[in-house]
PDB file of N, CA and C in Angstrom:
ATOM      1  N   MET A   1       1.024  -1.180   0.011  1.00  0.00           N
ATOM      2  CA  MET A   1       0.113   0.059   0.299  1.00  0.00           C
ATOM      3  C   MET A   1       0.944   1.372  -0.310  1.00  0.00           C
ATOM      4  N   ILE A   2       0.494   1.780  -1.074  1.00  0.00           N
ATOM      5  CA  ILE A   2       0.963   3.388  -0.660  1.00  0.00           C
ATOM      6  C   ILE A   2       0.293   4.565  -0.466  1.00  0.00           C
ATOM      7  N   HIS A   3       1.205   5.259   0.977  1.00  0.00           N
ATOM      8  CA  HIS A   3       0.366   6.277   1.339  1.00  0.00           C
ATOM      9  C   HIS A   3       1.425   7.710   1.221  1.00  0.00           C
ATOM     10  N   ASP A   4       0.734   8.817   0.509  1.00  0.00           N
ATOM     11  CA  ASP A   4       0.860  10.349   0.632  1.00  0.00           C
ATOM     12  C   ASP A   4       1.537  10.877   1.683  1.00  0.00           C
ATOM     13  N   LEU A   5       2.790  11.035   2.005  1.00  0.00           N
ATOM     14  CA  LEU A   5       2.709  11.792   2.774  1.00  0.00           C
ATOM     15  C   LEU A   5       2.907  13.398   3.109  1.00  0.00           C
ATOM     16  N   GLY A   6       2.788  13.939   1.544  1.00  0.00           N
ATOM     17  CA  GLY A   6       2.870  15.220   1.347  1.00  0.00           C
ATOM     18  C   GLY A   6       3.933  15.923   0.975  1.00  0.00           C
ATOM     19  N   GLU A   7       4.227  17.047   0.937  1.00  0.00           N
ATOM     20  CA  GLU A   7       5.297  17.877   0.413  1.00  0.00           C
ATOM     21  C   GLU A   7       6.687  18.174   1.330  1.00  0.00           C
ATOM     22  N   ALA A   8       7.708  17.822   1.293  1.00  0.00           N
ATOM     23  CA  ALA A   8       8.501  18.279   2.493  1.00  0.00           C
ATOM     24  C   ALA A   8       9.806  18.764   1.917  1.00  0.00           C
ATOM     25  N   LYS A   9      10.603  19.461   2.474  1.00  0.00           N
ATOM     26  CA  LYS A   9      11.405  20.135   2.135  1.00  0.00           C
ATOM     27  C   LYS A   9      13.091  19.057   2.641  1.00  0.00           C
ATOM     28  N   LEU A  10      13.917  18.650   2.340  1.00  0.00           N
ATOM     29  CA  LEU A  10      14.958  17.627   2.164  1.00  0.00           C
ATOM     30  C   LEU A  10      16.048  18.272   2.454  1.00  0.00           C
ATOM     31  N   LYS A  11      17.047  17.997   2.725  1.00  0.00           N
ATOM     32  CA  LYS A  11      18.099  18.880   2.976  1.00  0.00           C
ATOM     33  C   LYS A  11      18.619  18.545   1.721  1.00  0.00           C
ATOM     34  N   ASP A  12      19.174  19.659   1.181  1.00  0.00           N
ATOM     35  CA  ASP A  12      20.181  19.903  -0.688  1.00  0.00           C
ATOM     36  C   ASP A  12      18.493  19.826  -1.377  1.00  0.00           C
ATOM     37  N   ILE A  13      17.583  19.145  -0.985  1.00  0.00           N
ATOM     38  CA  ILE A  13      16.704  18.518  -2.315  1.00  0.00           C
ATOM     39  C   ILE A  13      15.892  20.113  -2.159  1.00  0.00           C
ATOM     40  N   GLN A  14      15.017  20.212  -3.496  1.00  0.00           N
ATOM     41  CA  GLN A  14      13.987  21.049  -2.855  1.00  0.00           C
ATOM     42  C   GLN A  14      13.005  20.488  -2.457  1.00  0.00           C
ATOM     43  N   HIS A  15      11.207  21.327  -2.469  1.00  0.00           N
ATOM     44  CA  HIS A  15      10.220  20.410  -2.141  1.00  0.00           C
ATOM     45  C   HIS A  15      10.059  19.656  -3.113  1.00  0.00           C
ATOM     46  N   GLU A  16       9.722  18.583  -2.091  1.00  0.00           N
ATOM     47  CA  GLU A  16       9.637  16.553  -2.787  1.00  0.00           C
ATOM     48  C   GLU A  16       8.291  16.519  -2.744  1.00  0.00           C
ATOM     49  N   ARG A  17       7.411  15.972  -3.411  1.00  0.00           N
ATOM     50  CA  ARG A  17       6.075  15.037  -2.446  1.00  0.00           C
ATOM     51  C   ARG A  17       6.971  13.287  -2.200  1.00  0.00           C
ATOM     52  N   LEU A  18       6.180  13.367  -1.455  1.00  0.00           N
ATOM     53  CA  LEU A  18       6.942  12.237  -0.312  1.00  0.00           C
ATOM     54  C   LEU A  18       5.758  10.802  -0.120  1.00  0.00           C
ATOM     55  N   TYR A  19       6.467   9.812  -0.138  1.00  0.00           N
ATOM     56  CA  TYR A  19       5.426   8.274  -0.604  1.00  0.00           C
ATOM     57  C   TYR A  19       6.291   7.462   0.230  1.00  0.00           C
ATOM     58  N   GLN A  20       5.591   6.716   0.627  1.00  0.00           N
ATOM     59  CA  GLN A  20       5.929   5.851   1.666  1.00  0.00           C
ATOM     60  C   GLN A  20       5.080   4.220   1.462  1.00  0.00           C
ATOM     61  N   VAL A  21       5.808   3.746   1.049  1.00  0.00           N
ATOM     62  CA  VAL A  21       5.506   2.263   0.512  1.00  0.00           C
ATOM     63  C   VAL A  21       5.403   1.094   2.101  1.00  0.00           C
ATOM     64  N   SER A  22       3.626   0.309   2.470  1.00  0.00           N
ATOM     65  CA  SER A  22       4.177  -0.419   2.958  1.00  0.00           C
ATOM     66  C   SER A  22       3.660  -1.887   2.679  1.00  0.00           C
ATOM     67  N   VAL A  23       4.209  -2.656   3.157  1.00  0.00           N
ATOM     68  CA  VAL A  23       4.158  -4.322   2.675  1.00  0.00           C
ATOM     69  C   VAL A  23       2.869  -4.934   3.772  1.00  0.00           C
ATOM     70  N   ASP A  24       2.483  -5.814   3.329  1.00  0.00           N
ATOM     71  CA  ASP A  24       1.341  -6.698   3.437  1.00  0.00           C
ATOM     72  C   ASP A  24       2.550  -7.468   4.909  1.00  0.00           C
ATOM     73  N   GLY A  25       2.031  -7.340   6.303  1.00  0.00           N
ATOM     74  CA  GLY A  25       2.807  -8.080   7.115  1.00  0.00           C
ATOM     75  C   GLY A  25       4.044  -6.902   7.800  1.00  0.00           C
ATOM     76  N   GLY A  26       4.315  -6.086   7.461  1.00  0.00           N
ATOM     77  CA  GLY A  26       5.734  -5.430   7.590  1.00  0.00           C
ATOM     78  C   GLY A  26       4.549  -4.460   8.259  1.00  0.00           C
ATOM     79  N   PRO A  27       5.767  -3.044   9.133  1.00  0.00           N
ATOM     80  CA  PRO A  27       5.663  -2.149   9.946  1.00  0.00           C
ATOM     81  C   PRO A  27       4.661  -1.478   8.988  1.00  0.00           C
ATOM     82  N   THR A  28       3.572  -0.674   9.309  1.00  0.00           N
ATOM     83  CA  THR A  28       2.862   0.307   8.591  1.00  0.00           C
ATOM     84  C   THR A  28       2.686   1.786   9.449  1.00  0.00           C
ATOM     85  N   GLU A  29       3.463   1.868  10.514  1.00  0.00           N
ATOM     86  CA  GLU A  29       3.777   3.192  11.602  1.00  0.00           C
ATOM     87  C   GLU A  29       5.457   3.344  11.140  1.00  0.00           C
ATOM     88  N   PHE A  30       6.349   4.258  11.155  1.00  0.00           N
ATOM     89  CA  PHE A  30       7.428   4.798  11.163  1.00  0.00           C
ATOM     90  C   PHE A  30       6.979   6.188  11.878  1.00  0.00           C
ATOM     91  N   PRO A  31       8.332   6.246  11.921  1.00  0.00           N
ATOM     92  CA  PRO A  31       8.841   7.815  12.824  1.00  0.00           C
ATOM     93  C   PRO A  31       8.190   9.325  11.866  1.00  0.00           C
ATOM     94  N   PRO A  32       8.796   9.795  12.266  1.00  0.00           N
ATOM     95  CA  PRO A  32       7.960  10.855  11.199  1.00  0.00           C
ATOM     96  C   PRO A  32       9.544  11.179  11.012  1.00  0.00           C
ATOM     97  N   LEU A  33       9.659  11.960   9.772  1.00  0.00           N
ATOM     98  CA  LEU A  33      10.924  12.286   9.169  1.00  0.00           C
ATOM     99  C   LEU A  33      11.353  13.590  10.030  1.00  0.00           C
ATOM    100  N   LYS A  34      12.741  13.733   9.293  1.00  0.00           N
ATOM    101  CA  LYS A  34      13.657  14.578  10.409  1.00  0.00           C
ATOM    102  C   LYS A  34      13.507  16.131   8.529  1.00  0.00           C
ATOM    103  N   ALA A  35      12.561  16.420   8.333  1.00  0.00           N
ATOM    104  CA  ALA A  35      12.649  17.312   6.974  1.00  0.00           C
ATOM    105  C   ALA A  35      11.478  18.485   7.826  1.00  0.00           C
ATOM    106  N   GLU A  36      12.050  19.767   7.382  1.00  0.00           N
ATOM    107  CA  GLU A  36      10.909  20.440   6.986  1.00  0.00           C
ATOM    108  C   GLU A  36       9.827  20.550   6.548  1.00  0.00           C
ATOM    109  N   ARG A  37       8.535  20.787   6.790  1.00  0.00           N
ATOM    110  CA  ARG A  37       7.143  20.188   6.233  1.00  0.00           C
ATOM    111  C   ARG A  37       6.997  21.914   5.620  1.00  0.00           C
ATOM    112  N   LYS A  38       6.460  21.636   4.462  1.00  0.00           N
ATOM    113  CA  LYS A  38       6.184  23.081   3.683  1.00  0.00           C
ATOM    114  C   LYS A  38       5.099  22.780   4.311  1.00  0.00           C
ATOM    115  N   GLN A  39       4.585  24.343   5.003  1.00  0.00           N
ATOM    116  CA  GLN A  39       3.661  24.873   5.267  1.00  0.00           C
ATOM    117  C   GLN A  39       2.173  25.514   4.163  1.00  0.00           C
ATOM    118  N   SER A  40       1.105  24.978   4.606  1.00  0.00           N
ATOM    119  CA  SER A  40       0.246  25.203   3.719  1.00  0.00           C
ATOM    120  C   SER A  40      -0.425  27.531   3.872  1.00  0.00           C
ATOM    121  N   ALA A  41      -0.891  27.627   2.689  1.00  0.00           N
ATOM    122  CA  ALA A  41      -1.124  29.031   3.108  1.00  0.00           C
ATOM    123  C   ALA A  41      -1.885  29.531   4.289  1.00  0.00           C
ATOM    124  N   GLY A  42      -2.866  28.583   4.233  1.00  0.00           N
ATOM    125  CA  GLY A  42      -3.691  28.935   5.659  1.00  0.00           C
ATOM    126  C   GLY A  42      -2.955  29.177   7.407  1.00  0.00           C
ATOM    127  N   GLU A  43      -2.139  27.719   7.389  1.00  0.00           N
ATOM    128  CA  GLU A  43      -1.187  27.422   8.197  1.00  0.00           C
ATOM    129  C   GLU A  43      -0.051  28.754   8.567  1.00  0.00           C
ATOM    130  N   ALA A  44       0.149  29.417   6.986  1.00  0.00           N
ATOM    131  CA  ALA A  44       1.222  30.466   7.670  1.00  0.00           C
ATOM    132  C   ALA A  44       0.585  31.916   8.078  1.00  0.00           C
ATOM    133  N   LEU A  45      -0.473  31.673   7.673  1.00  0.00           N
ATOM    134  CA  LEU A  45      -1.451  33.198   7.859  1.00  0.00           C
ATOM    135  C   LEU A  45      -2.001  32.847   9.159  1.00  0.00           C
ATOM    136  N   ALA A  46      -2.333  31.414   9.556  1.00  0.00           N
ATOM    137  CA  ALA A  46      -2.584  31.552  11.258  1.00  0.00           C
ATOM    138  C   ALA A  46      -1.556  31.680  12.042  1.00  0.00           C
ATOM    139  N   GLU A  47      -0.397  30.997  11.362  1.00  0.00           N
ATOM    140  CA  GLU A  47       0.745  31.623  12.357  1.00  0.00           C
ATOM    141  C   GLU A  47       1.218  32.852  12.455  1.00  0.00           C
ATOM    142  N   LYS A  48       0.690  33.821  11.697  1.00  0.00           N
ATOM    143  CA  LYS A  48       1.319  35.271  11.335  1.00  0.00           C
ATOM    144  C   LYS A  48       0.028  35.724  12.598  1.00  0.00           C
ATOM    145  N   ILE A  49      -1.228  35.505  12.245  1.00  0.00           N
ATOM    146  CA  ILE A  49      -2.001  35.988  13.358  1.00  0.00           C
ATOM    147  C   ILE A  49      -1.736  35.696  14.675  1.00  0.00           C
ATOM    148  N   LYS A  50      -1.697  34.355  14.907  1.00  0.00           N
ATOM    149  CA  LYS A  50      -0.692  34.076  16.222  1.00  0.00           C
ATOM    150  C   LYS A  50      -0.015  35.012  16.840  1.00  0.00           C
ATOM    151  N   ALA A  51       0.937  34.991  16.199  1.00  0.00           N
ATOM    152  CA  ALA A  51       1.983  36.231  16.717  1.00  0.00           C
ATOM    153  C   ALA A  51       1.746  37.288  16.626  1.00  0.00           C
ATOM    154  N   ASP A  52       0.850  37.938  15.710  1.00  0.00           N
ATOM    155  CA  ASP A  52       0.645  39.590  16.109  1.00  0.00           C
ATOM    156  C   ASP A  52      -0.426  39.564  17.225  1.00  0.00           C
ATOM    157  N   VAL A  53      -1.582  38.479  17.568  1.00  0.00           N
ATOM    158  CA  VAL A  53      -2.016  38.531  18.278  1.00  0.00           C
ATOM    159  C   VAL A  53      -1.246  38.440  19.976  1.00  0.00           C
ATOM    160  N   GLU A  54      -0.627  37.780  19.994  1.00  0.00           N
ATOM    161  CA  GLU A  54       0.403  37.471  21.135  1.00  0.00           C
ATOM    162  C   GLU A  54       1.423  38.503  21.466  1.00  0.00           C
ATOM    163  N   LYS A  55       1.940  39.201  20.383  1.00  0.00           N
ATOM    164  CA  LYS A  55       2.054  40.771  20.394  1.00  0.00           C
ATOM    165  C   LYS A  55       1.502  41.874  20.964  1.00  0.00           C
ATOM    166  N   GLN A  56       0.175  42.032  20.594  1.00  0.00           N
ATOM    167  CA  GLN A  56      -0.763  43.108  21.052  1.00  0.00           C
ATOM    168  C   GLN A  56      -1.116  42.563  22.706  1.00  0.00           C
ATOM    169  N   ILE A  57      -1.524  41.502  22.918  1.00  0.00           N
ATOM    170  CA  ILE A  57      -1.493  41.017  24.332  1.00  0.00           C
ATOM    171  C   ILE A  57      -0.562  41.599  25.064  1.00  0.00           C
ATOM    172  N   ALA A  58       0.684  40.904  24.749  1.00  0.00           N
ATOM    173  CA  ALA A  58       1.756  41.031  25.904  1.00  0.00           C
ATOM    174  C   ALA A  58       2.151  43.124  25.628  1.00  0.00           C
ATOM    175  N   ASP A  59       1.749  43.781  24.371  1.00  0.00           N
ATOM    176  CA  ASP A  59       1.937  45.082  24.212  1.00  0.00           C
ATOM    177  C   ASP A  59       0.625  45.698  25.906  1.00  0.00           C
ATOM    178  N   SER A  60      -0.056  45.205  25.756  1.00  0.00           N
ATOM    179  CA  SER A  60      -1.212  45.633  26.537  1.00  0.00           C
ATOM    180  C   SER A  60      -1.318  45.312  27.914  1.00  0.00           C
ATOM    181  N   TRP A  61      -0.510  44.159  28.422  1.00  0.00           N
ATOM    182  CA  TRP A  61       0.095  44.097  29.317  1.00  0.00           C
ATOM    183  C   TRP A  61       0.942  44.916  30.064  1.00  0.00           C
ATOM    184  N   SER A  62       2.180  45.096  29.329  1.00  0.00           N
ATOM    185  CA  SER A  62       2.977  45.552  29.645  1.00  0.00           C
ATOM    186  C   SER A  62       2.707  47.721  29.902  1.00  0.00           C
ATOM    187  N   GLY A  63       1.327  47.646  29.340  1.00  0.00           N
ATOM    188  CA  GLY A  63       1.289  49.098  29.560  1.00  0.00           C
ATOM    189  C   GLY A  63       1.296  49.864  27.942  1.00  0.00           C
ATOM    190  N   GLY A  64       1.930  49.337  27.123  1.00  0.00           N
ATOM    191  CA  GLY A  64       2.747  50.561  25.508  1.00  0.00           C
ATOM    192  C   GLY A  64       1.639  50.336  25.156  1.00  0.00           C
ATOM    193  N   ILE A  65       1.670  51.135  24.110  1.00  0.00           N
ATOM    194  CA  ILE A  65       0.152  51.752  23.384  1.00  0.00           C
ATOM    195  C   ILE A  65       1.336  51.646  22.201  1.00  0.00           C
ATOM    196  N   PRO A  66       0.440  51.207  20.911  1.00  0.00           N
ATOM    197  CA  PRO A  66       1.022  50.955  19.784  1.00  0.00           C
ATOM    198  C   PRO A  66       0.900  52.156  19.399  1.00  0.00           C
ATOM    199  N   GLN A  67       1.779  52.349  18.468  1.00  0.00           N
ATOM    200  CA  GLN A  67       2.169  53.893  18.016  1.00  0.00           C
ATOM    201  C   GLN A  67       0.897  54.342  16.804  1.00  0.00           C
ATOM    202  N   ASN A  68       0.573  53.415  16.062  1.00  0.00           N
ATOM    203  CA  ASN A  68      -0.619  53.875  15.350  1.00  0.00           C
ATOM    204  C   ASN A  68      -1.937  54.064  16.224  1.00  0.00           C
ATOM    205  N   THR A  69      -2.333  53.766  17.422  1.00  0.00           N
ATOM    206  CA  THR A  69      -3.281  54.178  17.771  1.00  0.00           C
ATOM    207  C   THR A  69      -3.582  55.670  17.970  1.00  0.00           C
ATOM    208  N   THR A  70      -2.275  56.086  18.777  1.00  0.00           N
ATOM    209  CA  THR A  70      -1.466  57.643  19.046  1.00  0.00           C
ATOM    210  C   THR A  70      -2.323  58.502  17.131  1.00  0.00           C
ATOM    211  N   LYS A  71      -1.779  58.452  16.639  1.00  0.00           N
ATOM    212  CA  LYS A  71      -2.081  58.721  15.933  1.00  0.00           C
ATOM    213  C   LYS A  71      -3.355  58.626  15.083  1.00  0.00           C
ATOM    214  N   ALA A  72      -4.034  57.755  15.259  1.00  0.00           N
ATOM    215  CA  ALA A  72      -5.306  57.692  14.858  1.00  0.00           C
ATOM    216  C   ALA A  72      -6.394  58.473  15.645  1.00  0.00           C
ATOM    217  N   THR A  73      -5.870  58.315  16.958  1.00  0.00           N
ATOM    218  CA  THR A  73      -6.633  59.202  17.934  1.00  0.00           C
ATOM    219  C   THR A  73      -6.679  60.881  17.620  1.00  0.00           C
ATOM    220  N   ALA A  74      -5.189  61.217  17.261  1.00  0.00           N
ATOM    221  CA  ALA A  74      -5.034  62.546  17.145  1.00  0.00           C
ATOM    222  C   ALA A  74      -5.711  62.980  15.503  1.00  0.00           C
ATOM    223  N   VAL A  75      -5.684  62.032  14.714  1.00  0.00           N
ATOM    224  CA  VAL A  75      -6.869  62.607  13.414  1.00  0.00           C
ATOM    225  C   VAL A  75      -8.181  62.485  14.124  1.00  0.00           C
ATOM    226  N   GLY A  76      -8.495  61.597  15.010  1.00  0.00           N
ATOM    227  CA  GLY A  76      -9.934  61.118  14.910  1.00  0.00           C
ATOM    228  C   GLY A  76     -10.721  62.538  16.002  1.00  0.00           C
ATOM    229  N   LEU A  77      -9.686  63.170  16.713  1.00  0.00           N
ATOM    230  CA  LEU A  77      -9.999  64.184  17.368  1.00  0.00           C
ATOM    231  C   LEU A  77     -10.015  65.873  16.568  1.00  0.00           C
ATOM    232  N   LEU A  78      -9.076  65.658  15.758  1.00  0.00           N
ATOM    233  CA  LEU A  78      -8.914  66.539  15.024  1.00  0.00           C
ATOM    234  C   LEU A  78     -10.522  66.538  13.830  1.00  0.00           C
ATOM    235  N   ASN A  79     -10.977  65.622  13.229  1.00  0.00           N
ATOM    236  CA  ASN A  79     -12.224  65.458  12.436  1.00  0.00           C
ATOM    237  C   ASN A  79     -13.218  65.892  13.661  1.00  0.00           C
ATOM    238  N   LEU A  80     -13.022  65.677  14.870  1.00  0.00           N
ATOM    239  CA  LEU A  80     -14.340  65.661  15.494  1.00  0.00           C
ATOM    240  C   LEU A  80     -14.515  67.456  15.916  1.00  0.00           C
ATOM    241  N   VAL A  81     -13.262  68.267  15.858  1.00  0.00           N
ATOM    242  CA  VAL A  81     -12.972  69.705  16.087  1.00  0.00           C
ATOM    243  C   VAL A  81     -13.474  70.034  14.977  1.00  0.00           C
ATOM    244  N   LEU A  82     -12.958  69.844  13.616  1.00  0.00           N
ATOM    245  CA  LEU A  82     -13.587  70.312  12.446  1.00  0.00           C
ATOM    246  C   LEU A  82     -14.827  70.495  12.680  1.00  0.00           C
ATOM    247  N   VAL A  83     -15.726  69.580  12.633  1.00  0.00           N
ATOM    248  CA  VAL A  83     -17.179  68.761  12.223  1.00  0.00           C
ATOM    249  C   VAL A  83     -17.928  69.740  13.306  1.00  0.00           C
ATOM    250  N   PHE A  84     -17.277  70.112  14.792  1.00  0.00           N
ATOM    251  CA  PHE A  84     -18.015  70.980  15.574  1.00  0.00           C
ATOM    252  C   PHE A  84     -17.839  72.415  15.118  1.00  0.00           C
ATOM    253  N   ALA A  85     -16.810  72.732  14.179  1.00  0.00           N
ATOM    254  CA  ALA A  85     -16.510  73.847  13.945  1.00  0.00           C
ATOM    255  C   ALA A  85     -17.597  74.300  13.024  1.00  0.00           C
ATOM    256  N   ALA A  86     -17.423  73.271  12.082  1.00  0.00           N
ATOM    257  CA  ALA A  86     -18.497  73.450  11.234  1.00  0.00           C
ATOM    258  C   ALA A  86     -20.285  73.765  11.795  1.00  0.00           C
ATOM    259  N   VAL A  87     -20.585  73.166  12.167  1.00  0.00           N
ATOM    260  CA  VAL A  87     -21.870  73.058  12.909  1.00  0.00           C
ATOM    261  C   VAL A  87     -21.919  74.491  13.560  1.00  0.00           C
ATOM    262  N   VAL A  88     -20.877  74.774  14.232  1.00  0.00           N
ATOM    263  CA  VAL A  88     -20.852  76.099  14.756  1.00  0.00           C
ATOM    264  C   VAL A  88     -21.185  77.202  13.794  1.00  0.00           C
ATOM    265  N   VAL A  89     -20.835  77.884  12.511  1.00  0.00           N
ATOM    266  CA  VAL A  89     -20.249  78.426  11.327  1.00  0.00           C
ATOM    267  C   VAL A  89     -21.778  78.397  10.792  1.00  0.00           C
ATOM    268  N   ILE A  90     -22.221  76.821  10.586  1.00  0.00           N
ATOM    269  CA  ILE A  90     -23.471  77.012   9.832  1.00  0.00           C
ATOM    270  C   ILE A  90     -25.339  77.463  11.139  1.00  0.00           C
ATOM    271  N   VAL A  91     -24.907  77.045  12.402  1.00  0.00           N
ATOM    272  CA  VAL A  91     -25.804  77.992  13.344  1.00  0.00           C
ATOM    273  C   VAL A  91     -25.848  79.346  12.876  1.00  0.00           C
ATOM    274  N   LEU A  92     -24.540  80.070  13.235  1.00  0.00           N
ATOM    275  CA  LEU A  92     -24.277  81.025  12.866  1.00  0.00           C
ATOM    276  C   LEU A  92     -25.088  82.137  11.962  1.00  0.00           C
ATOM    277  N   LEU A  93     -24.584  81.282  10.918  1.00  0.00           N
ATOM    278  CA  LEU A  93     -25.231  81.903   9.283  1.00  0.00           C
ATOM    279  C   LEU A  93     -26.415  81.794   9.711  1.00  0.00           C
ATOM    280  N   ILE A  94     -27.080  80.773  10.396  1.00  0.00           N
ATOM    281  CA  ILE A  94     -29.124  80.903   9.702  1.00  0.00           C
ATOM    282  C   ILE A  94     -29.046  81.637  10.989  1.00  0.00           C
ATOM    283  N   LYS A  95     -28.858  81.700  11.983  1.00  0.00           N
ATOM    284  CA  LYS A  95     -29.669  82.991  12.947  1.00  0.00           C
ATOM    285  C   LYS A  95     -29.195  83.746  12.102  1.00  0.00           C
ATOM    286  N   LEU A  96     -27.771  84.678  11.474  1.00  0.00           N
ATOM    287  CA  LEU A  96     -27.803  85.811  11.141  1.00  0.00           C
ATOM    288  C   LEU A  96     -28.535  86.484   9.665  1.00  0.00           C
ATOM    289  N   ALA A  97     -28.979  85.163   9.170  1.00  0.00           N
ATOM    290  CA  ALA A  97     -29.840  85.344   7.885  1.00  0.00           C
ATOM    291  C   ALA A  97     -31.302  85.660   8.338  1.00  0.00           C
ATOM    292  N   PHE A  98     -31.283  85.187   9.473  1.00  0.00           N
ATOM    293  CA  PHE A  98     -32.983  85.134  10.229  1.00  0.00           C
ATOM    294  C   PHE A  98     -32.776  86.709  11.564  1.00  0.00           C
TER     295      PHE A  98
END
């Protein structure tokens, strides 16, 4: 029987698809190969997400504020002030007109 072990990176060889052959009456289980297993795109993404989440948790426990948050807060506050000023100007113009 032939078992597909998937792709693996072997020493001095590019990624190769590996197969395992087992014979009736012989062993069917073998120890895992000492080779780098190629990550799927989903596994790589999950690993990156996990690392990012762990970093954010560590930053929040250490009291550090992410740099992007400070800039976003400043821009949001500036937008709020501009909207408030526009509303005040519109109200004054309406009062002067009537």
